[in-house]
Amino acid sequence: MVKVCTLQDIKSMESKKIQGQGYRLGSTHEQELEKALHNSIKSNSEITSEYKNMQVAKLSVLNSILVSKNSELGHMKNTLASKDDELKQIKDNLVLKTSEIYSLESKLLSVPIKIGGEADEKKISNSILWNDDAIASDIHT
């Protein structure tokens, strides 16, 4: 009787050439390798999934920090604007008071003050003018 090779026999012979002798398709060793490959792919997938979850969590934390900092920055801008308004108001008030001082000074100079003669009148006038220069220099500094 002639030995007939079937397709299944040819596959078996090719697999023996590739894998070496002693291993068959569907053997225990192949199942262990497939299981190890499956476990490796599964853990790689879990690690990737966990990494994505951590990225989402980190992004959430960074967004909340950003919102907090933006709120804080907005509050600081409002405070700065308020302080600028107060400073402008104080400067305007200073200009008003300075003009009142000049007005009162001119009224004082227009009224003759005689304490003991003309020498005293001139002395008082000069001291008022000297004080006026000191006030003006203080305002501009």
C-alpha atoms as a PDB file:
ATOM      1  CA  MET A   1       0.000   0.000   0.000  1.00  0.00           C
ATOM      2  CA  VAL A   2       1.152   3.451  -0.914  1.00  0.00           C
ATOM      3  CA  LYS A   3       1.423   6.060   1.811  1.00  0.00           C
ATOM      4  CA  VAL A   4      -0.795   9.065   1.012  1.00  0.00           C
ATOM      5  CA  CYS A   5       0.008  12.522   2.430  1.00  0.00           C
ATOM      6  CA  THR A   6      -2.937  14.682   3.301  1.00  0.00           C
ATOM      7  CA  LEU A   7      -3.040  18.437   3.728  1.00  0.00           C
ATOM      8  CA  GLN A   8      -3.093  17.969   7.467  1.00  0.00           C
ATOM      9  CA  ASP A   9       0.075  15.893   7.320  1.00  0.00           C
ATOM     10  CA  ILE A  10       1.845  18.569   5.235  1.00  0.00           C
ATOM     11  CA  LYS A  11       0.948  21.277   7.784  1.00  0.00           C
ATOM     12  CA  SER A  12       2.216  19.060  10.547  1.00  0.00           C
ATOM     13  CA  MET A  13       5.526  18.497   8.754  1.00  0.00           C
ATOM     14  CA  GLU A  14       5.968  22.237   8.080  1.00  0.00           C
ATOM     15  CA  SER A  15       5.250  23.087  11.680  1.00  0.00           C
ATOM     16  CA  LYS A  16       7.834  20.526  12.803  1.00  0.00           C
ATOM     17  CA  LYS A  17      10.394  22.193  10.551  1.00  0.00           C
ATOM     18  CA  ILE A  18       9.604  25.637  11.987  1.00  0.00           C
ATOM     19  CA  GLN A  19       9.144  24.679  15.627  1.00  0.00           C
ATOM     20  CA  GLY A  20      11.500  21.789  15.796  1.00  0.00           C
ATOM     21  CA  GLN A  21      10.642  18.230  16.641  1.00  0.00           C
ATOM     22  CA  GLY A  22       8.509  17.358  19.598  1.00  0.00           C
ATOM     23  CA  TYR A  23       5.942  20.160  19.308  1.00  0.00           C
ATOM     24  CA  ARG A  24       2.588  19.858  17.680  1.00  0.00           C
ATOM     25  CA  LEU A  25       0.104  22.557  16.820  1.00  0.00           C
ATOM     26  CA  GLY A  26      -2.205  22.947  19.786  1.00  0.00           C
ATOM     27  CA  SER A  27       0.367  21.544  22.163  1.00  0.00           C
ATOM     28  CA  THR A  28       0.620  22.563  25.797  1.00  0.00           C
ATOM     29  CA  HIS A  29       3.704  24.658  25.119  1.00  0.00           C
ATOM     30  CA  GLU A  30       1.917  26.608  22.373  1.00  0.00           C
ATOM     31  CA  GLN A  31      -1.077  27.179  24.629  1.00  0.00           C
ATOM     32  CA  GLU A  32       1.216  28.494  27.353  1.00  0.00           C
ATOM     33  CA  LEU A  33       2.879  30.858  24.871  1.00  0.00           C
ATOM     34  CA  GLU A  34      -0.498  32.085  23.638  1.00  0.00           C
ATOM     35  CA  LYS A  35      -1.659  32.588  27.229  1.00  0.00           C
ATOM     36  CA  ALA A  36       1.536  34.508  28.062  1.00  0.00           C
ATOM     37  CA  LEU A  37       1.098  36.650  24.930  1.00  0.00           C
ATOM     38  CA  HIS A  38      -2.547  37.274  25.834  1.00  0.00           C
ATOM     39  CA  ASN A  39      -1.585  38.252  29.403  1.00  0.00           C
ATOM     40  CA  SER A  40       1.149  40.534  28.086  1.00  0.00           C
ATOM     41  CA  ILE A  41      -1.255  42.263  25.701  1.00  0.00           C
ATOM     42  CA  LYS A  42      -3.848  42.534  28.481  1.00  0.00           C
ATOM     43  CA  SER A  43      -1.380  44.124  30.940  1.00  0.00           C
ATOM     44  CA  ASN A  44      -0.110  46.470  28.236  1.00  0.00           C
ATOM     45  CA  SER A  45      -3.703  47.501  27.569  1.00  0.00           C
ATOM     46  CA  GLU A  46      -4.340  48.004  31.302  1.00  0.00           C
ATOM     47  CA  ILE A  47      -1.195  50.112  31.649  1.00  0.00           C
ATOM     48  CA  THR A  48      -2.213  52.228  28.651  1.00  0.00           C
ATOM     49  CA  SER A  49      -5.712  52.647  30.052  1.00  0.00           C
ATOM     50  CA  GLU A  50      -4.359  53.596  33.484  1.00  0.00           C
ATOM     51  CA  TYR A  51      -1.970  56.098  31.881  1.00  0.00           C
ATOM     52  CA  LYS A  52      -4.862  57.723  30.019  1.00  0.00           C
ATOM     53  CA  ASN A  53      -6.878  57.876  33.256  1.00  0.00           C
ATOM     54  CA  MET A  54      -3.950  59.535  35.030  1.00  0.00           C
ATOM     55  CA  GLN A  55      -3.606  62.060  32.198  1.00  0.00           C
ATOM     56  CA  VAL A  56      -7.305  62.914  32.506  1.00  0.00           C
ATOM     57  CA  ALA A  57      -6.970  63.300  36.290  1.00  0.00           C
ATOM     58  CA  LYS A  58      -3.858  65.475  35.917  1.00  0.00           C
ATOM     59  CA  LEU A  59      -5.591  67.620  33.304  1.00  0.00           C
ATOM     60  CA  SER A  60      -8.563  68.039  35.629  1.00  0.00           C
ATOM     61  CA  VAL A  61      -6.314  69.159  38.495  1.00  0.00           C
ATOM     62  CA  LEU A  62      -4.398  71.561  36.236  1.00  0.00           C
ATOM     63  CA  ASN A  63      -7.658  73.029  34.933  1.00  0.00           C
ATOM     64  CA  SER A  64      -8.946  73.621  38.466  1.00  0.00           C
ATOM     65  CA  ILE A  65      -5.642  75.294  39.400  1.00  0.00           C
ATOM     66  CA  LEU A  66      -5.863  77.438  36.264  1.00  0.00           C
ATOM     67  CA  VAL A  67      -9.428  78.492  37.094  1.00  0.00           C
ATOM     68  CA  SER A  68      -8.346  79.370  40.635  1.00  0.00           C
ATOM     69  CA  LYS A  69      -5.362  81.411  39.411  1.00  0.00           C
ATOM     70  CA  ASN A  70      -7.522  83.213  36.842  1.00  0.00           C
ATOM     71  CA  SER A  71     -10.017  84.092  39.561  1.00  0.00           C
ATOM     72  CA  GLU A  72      -7.215  85.333  41.801  1.00  0.00           C
ATOM     73  CA  LEU A  73      -5.766  87.369  38.931  1.00  0.00           C
ATOM     74  CA  GLY A  74      -9.166  88.932  38.231  1.00  0.00           C
ATOM     75  CA  HIS A  75      -9.505  89.887  41.896  1.00  0.00           C
ATOM     76  CA  MET A  76      -6.020  91.450  41.841  1.00  0.00           C
ATOM     77  CA  LYS A  77      -6.882  93.419  38.688  1.00  0.00           C
ATOM     78  CA  ASN A  78     -10.025  94.761  40.370  1.00  0.00           C
ATOM     79  CA  THR A  79      -8.040  95.703  43.478  1.00  0.00           C
ATOM     80  CA  LEU A  80      -5.418  97.445  41.340  1.00  0.00           C
ATOM     81  CA  ALA A  81      -8.086  99.389  39.454  1.00  0.00           C
ATOM     82  CA  SER A  82      -9.666 100.409  42.764  1.00  0.00           C
ATOM     83  CA  LYS A  83      -6.304 101.570  44.130  1.00  0.00           C
ATOM     84  CA  ASP A  84      -5.638 103.511  40.915  1.00  0.00           C
ATOM     85  CA  ASP A  85      -8.987 105.263  41.320  1.00  0.00           C
ATOM     86  CA  GLU A  86      -8.187 106.072  44.956  1.00  0.00           C
ATOM     87  CA  LEU A  87      -4.778 107.440  43.961  1.00  0.00           C
ATOM     88  CA  LYS A  88      -6.324 109.636  41.264  1.00  0.00           C
ATOM     89  CA  GLN A  89      -8.877 110.910  43.770  1.00  0.00           C
ATOM     90  CA  ILE A  90      -6.133 111.700  46.296  1.00  0.00           C
ATOM     91  CA  LYS A  91      -4.081 113.540  43.651  1.00  0.00           C
ATOM     92  CA  ASP A  92      -7.144 115.550  42.598  1.00  0.00           C
ATOM     93  CA  ASN A  93      -7.807 116.387  46.251  1.00  0.00           C
ATOM     94  CA  LEU A  94      -4.161 117.424  46.663  1.00  0.00           C
ATOM     95  CA  VAL A  95      -4.405 119.754  43.664  1.00  0.00           C
ATOM     96  CA  LEU A  96      -7.598 121.242  45.109  1.00  0.00           C
ATOM     97  CA  LYS A  97      -6.032 121.787  48.541  1.00  0.00           C
ATOM     98  CA  THR A  98      -2.907 123.277  46.943  1.00  0.00           C
ATOM     99  CA  SER A  99      -5.004 125.767  45.005  1.00  0.00           C
ATOM    100  CA  GLU A 100      -6.867 126.638  48.224  1.00  0.00           C
ATOM    101  CA  ILE A 101      -3.531 127.226  49.946  1.00  0.00           C
ATOM    102  CA  TYR A 102      -2.374 129.521  47.120  1.00  0.00           C
ATOM    103  CA  SER A 103      -5.684 131.382  47.276  1.00  0.00           C
ATOM    104  CA  LEU A 104      -5.420 131.892  51.033  1.00  0.00           C
ATOM    105  CA  GLU A 105      -1.778 132.906  50.665  1.00  0.00           C
ATOM    106  CA  SER A 106      -2.624 135.545  48.082  1.00  0.00           C
ATOM    107  CA  LYS A 107      -5.372 136.858  50.370  1.00  0.00           C
ATOM    108  CA  LEU A 108      -2.867 137.045  53.233  1.00  0.00           C
ATOM    109  CA  LEU A 109      -0.358 138.888  51.084  1.00  0.00           C
ATOM    110  CA  SER A 110      -2.957 141.369  49.893  1.00  0.00           C
ATOM    111  CA  VAL A 111      -3.900 142.334  53.448  1.00  0.00           C
ATOM    112  CA  PRO A 112      -1.209 144.533  54.973  1.00  0.00           C
ATOM    113  CA  ILE A 113      -0.009 143.272  58.336  1.00  0.00           C
ATOM    114  CA  LYS A 114       1.633 145.851  60.498  1.00  0.00           C
ATOM    115  CA  ILE A 115       3.057 144.631  63.740  1.00  0.00           C
ATOM    116  CA  GLY A 116       5.901 146.983  64.374  1.00  0.00           C
ATOM    117  CA  GLY A 117       6.575 148.761  61.136  1.00  0.00           C
ATOM    118  CA  GLU A 118       7.510 148.071  57.551  1.00  0.00           C
ATOM    119  CA  ALA A 119      10.471 145.823  58.378  1.00  0.00           C
ATOM    120  CA  ASP A 120       8.217 143.349  60.163  1.00  0.00           C
ATOM    121  CA  GLU A 121       5.709 143.394  57.256  1.00  0.00           C
ATOM    122  CA  LYS A 122       8.466 142.502  54.784  1.00  0.00           C
ATOM    123  CA  LYS A 123       9.781 139.762  57.078  1.00  0.00           C
ATOM    124  CA  ILE A 124       6.318 138.125  57.326  1.00  0.00           C
ATOM    125  CA  SER A 125       5.858 138.281  53.533  1.00  0.00           C
ATOM    126  CA  ASN A 126       9.208 136.609  52.904  1.00  0.00           C
ATOM    127  CA  SER A 127       8.515 133.799  55.387  1.00  0.00           C
ATOM    128  CA  ILE A 128       5.148 133.077  53.725  1.00  0.00           C
ATOM    129  CA  LEU A 129       6.787 132.955  50.291  1.00  0.00           C
ATOM    130  CA  TRP A 130       9.538 130.673  51.593  1.00  0.00           C
ATOM    131  CA  ASN A 131       6.951 128.257  53.047  1.00  0.00           C
ATOM    132  CA  ASP A 132       5.071 128.337  49.731  1.00  0.00           C
ATOM    133  CA  ASP A 133       8.182 127.197  47.856  1.00  0.00           C
ATOM    134  CA  ALA A 134       8.699 124.347  50.345  1.00  0.00           C
ATOM    135  CA  ILE A 135       5.072 123.190  49.916  1.00  0.00           C
ATOM    136  CA  ALA A 136       5.340 123.317  46.131  1.00  0.00           C
ATOM    137  CA  SER A 137       8.552 121.298  46.150  1.00  0.00           C
ATOM    138  CA  ASP A 138       6.958 118.713  48.488  1.00  0.00           C
ATOM    139  CA  ILE A 139       3.979 118.325  46.151  1.00  0.00           C
ATOM    140  CA  HIS A 140       6.104 117.718  43.081  1.00  0.00           C
ATOM    141  CA  THR A 141       8.309 115.082  44.761  1.00  0.00           C
END
